[in-house]
C-alpha atoms as a PDB file:
ATOM      1  CA  MET A   1      -8.885   9.467 -81.501  1.00  0.00           C
ATOM      2  CA  CYS A   2      -9.011   7.917 -78.044  1.00  0.00           C
ATOM      3  CA  LEU A   3      -9.501   9.685 -74.752  1.00  0.00           C
ATOM      4  CA  ALA A   4      -8.350   8.491 -71.343  1.00  0.00           C
ATOM      5  CA  ILE A   5      -9.404  10.480 -68.298  1.00  0.00           C
ATOM      6  CA  PRO A   6      -8.225  10.734 -64.689  1.00  0.00           C
ATOM      7  CA  ALA A   7     -10.543   9.267 -62.080  1.00  0.00           C
ATOM      8  CA  ARG A   8     -10.277   8.907 -58.301  1.00  0.00           C
ATOM      9  CA  VAL A   9     -10.656   5.424 -56.826  1.00  0.00           C
ATOM     10  CA  VAL A  10     -13.407   5.488 -54.187  1.00  0.00           C
ATOM     11  CA  GLU A  11     -13.830   1.764 -53.513  1.00  0.00           C
ATOM     12  CA  LEU A  12     -12.001  -1.482 -54.266  1.00  0.00           C
ATOM     13  CA  VAL A  13     -14.291  -4.270 -55.462  1.00  0.00           C
ATOM     14  CA  GLY A  14     -12.913  -7.786 -55.583  1.00  0.00           C
ATOM     15  CA  ALA A  15      -9.383  -8.636 -56.676  1.00  0.00           C
ATOM     16  CA  ASP A  16      -9.127  -6.484 -59.800  1.00  0.00           C
ATOM     17  CA  GLN A  17     -12.000  -4.020 -59.912  1.00  0.00           C
ATOM     18  CA  ALA A  18     -12.680  -0.618 -58.405  1.00  0.00           C
ATOM     19  CA  ILE A  19     -15.367   2.013 -58.339  1.00  0.00           C
ATOM     20  CA  VAL A  20     -14.073   5.380 -59.508  1.00  0.00           C
ATOM     21  CA  ASP A  21     -15.515   8.870 -59.368  1.00  0.00           C
ATOM     22  CA  LEU A  22     -15.602  10.683 -62.698  1.00  0.00           C
ATOM     23  CA  GLY A  23     -16.809  14.166 -61.823  1.00  0.00           C
ATOM     24  CA  GLY A  24     -19.652  12.878 -59.664  1.00  0.00           C
ATOM     25  CA  VAL A  25     -20.408   9.842 -61.816  1.00  0.00           C
ATOM     26  CA  ARG A  26     -19.365   6.515 -60.335  1.00  0.00           C
ATOM     27  CA  LYS A  27     -18.300   3.656 -62.561  1.00  0.00           C
ATOM     28  CA  THR A  28     -16.856   0.192 -62.011  1.00  0.00           C
ATOM     29  CA  ILE A  29     -13.557  -0.320 -63.825  1.00  0.00           C
ATOM     30  CA  SER A  30     -10.960  -3.054 -64.173  1.00  0.00           C
ATOM     31  CA  LEU A  31      -7.628  -2.791 -62.359  1.00  0.00           C
ATOM     32  CA  ALA A  32      -6.169  -5.804 -64.189  1.00  0.00           C
ATOM     33  CA  LEU A  33      -3.514  -3.663 -65.915  1.00  0.00           C
ATOM     34  CA  VAL A  34      -2.333  -1.702 -62.854  1.00  0.00           C
ATOM     35  CA  ASP A  35      -0.642  -2.878 -59.648  1.00  0.00           C
ATOM     36  CA  ALA A  36      -1.025  -1.616 -56.087  1.00  0.00           C
ATOM     37  CA  VAL A  37      -4.019   0.714 -56.456  1.00  0.00           C
ATOM     38  CA  ALA A  38      -5.561   2.007 -53.226  1.00  0.00           C
ATOM     39  CA  VAL A  39      -8.649   4.031 -52.359  1.00  0.00           C
ATOM     40  CA  GLY A  40      -7.855   7.692 -52.998  1.00  0.00           C
ATOM     41  CA  ASP A  41      -5.422   6.997 -55.841  1.00  0.00           C
ATOM     42  CA  TYR A  42      -5.979   8.555 -59.242  1.00  0.00           C
ATOM     43  CA  VAL A  43      -5.858   6.347 -62.319  1.00  0.00           C
ATOM     44  CA  ILE A  44      -6.077   7.019 -66.042  1.00  0.00           C
ATOM     45  CA  VAL A  45      -9.223   5.272 -67.347  1.00  0.00           C
ATOM     46  CA  HIS A  46      -9.873   4.220 -70.933  1.00  0.00           C
ATOM     47  CA  VAL A  47     -12.838   2.056 -72.004  1.00  0.00           C
ATOM     48  CA  GLY A  48     -13.357   0.720 -68.484  1.00  0.00           C
ATOM     49  CA  TYR A  49      -9.715  -0.138 -67.717  1.00  0.00           C
ATOM     50  CA  ALA A  50      -7.246   1.673 -65.491  1.00  0.00           C
ATOM     51  CA  LEU A  51      -4.125   2.091 -67.619  1.00  0.00           C
ATOM     52  CA  SER A  52      -1.817   3.620 -65.003  1.00  0.00           C
ATOM     53  CA  LYS A  53      -1.721   5.449 -61.694  1.00  0.00           C
ATOM     54  CA  LEU A  54      -1.494   9.223 -61.813  1.00  0.00           C
ATOM     55  CA  ASP A  55       0.091  11.724 -59.443  1.00  0.00           C
ATOM     56  CA  PRO A  56      -2.655  13.688 -57.577  1.00  0.00           C
ATOM     57  CA  GLU A  57      -1.257  17.056 -58.686  1.00  0.00           C
ATOM     58  CA  GLU A  58      -1.173  15.969 -62.326  1.00  0.00           C
ATOM     59  CA  ALA A  59      -4.734  14.635 -62.000  1.00  0.00           C
ATOM     60  CA  ALA A  60      -5.908  17.979 -60.581  1.00  0.00           C
ATOM     61  CA  ALA A  61      -4.220  19.916 -63.379  1.00  0.00           C
ATOM     62  CA  THR A  62      -5.714  17.652 -66.059  1.00  0.00           C
ATOM     63  CA  LEU A  63      -9.196  17.806 -64.540  1.00  0.00           C
ATOM     64  CA  ALA A  64      -8.945  21.611 -64.368  1.00  0.00           C
ATOM     65  CA  LEU A  65      -8.113  21.685 -68.088  1.00  0.00           C
ATOM     66  CA  PHE A  66     -11.104  19.453 -68.840  1.00  0.00           C
ATOM     67  CA  GLY A  67     -13.292  21.817 -66.786  1.00  0.00           C
ATOM     68  CA  GLU A  68     -11.962  24.784 -68.691  1.00  0.00           C
ATOM     69  CA  LEU A  69     -12.647  23.032 -71.988  1.00  0.00           C
ATOM     70  CA  ALA A  70     -16.180  22.190 -70.882  1.00  0.00           C
ATOM     71  CA  SER A  71     -16.924  25.800 -69.956  1.00  0.00           C
ATOM     72  CA  THR A  72     -15.474  27.013 -73.266  1.00  0.00           C
ATOM     73  CA  THR A  73     -17.607  24.520 -75.176  1.00  0.00           C
ATOM     74  CA  ALA A  74     -20.748  25.473 -73.230  1.00  0.00           C
ATOM     75  CA  THR A  75     -20.361  29.221 -73.761  1.00  0.00           C
ATOM     76  CA  GLY A  76     -18.500  29.267 -77.045  1.00  0.00           C
ATOM     77  CA  VAL A  77     -15.759  31.474 -75.579  1.00  0.00           C
ATOM     78  CA  ALA A  78     -12.903  30.960 -73.161  1.00  0.00           C
ATOM     79  CA  SER A  79     -13.576  32.298 -69.671  1.00  0.00           C
END
C-alpha cells in the first residue's frame, strides 16, 4: 500500500523543486509532475514527488483526519 500526503509549499527552489511543510517537518520535493505551483499551495506528495495540487479545504480536511488517526493510534481509542 502506498500513501501520499498533503503538504504546503513554503519555498520554491530552482525550476522544479520546492520545500514543503509536513506537519512542522520541511522536505525538498520535486515539482516535475505538476504545473504552476506557488508558495502557499497544497500538493499531494508521494516518495518525494508532488503528484497534484490540492484544494486548501480538502487539504485541511485530510490533515485533520490524519491528526485524528494519530491521536487514536497514540491512545488506543478514538477521542
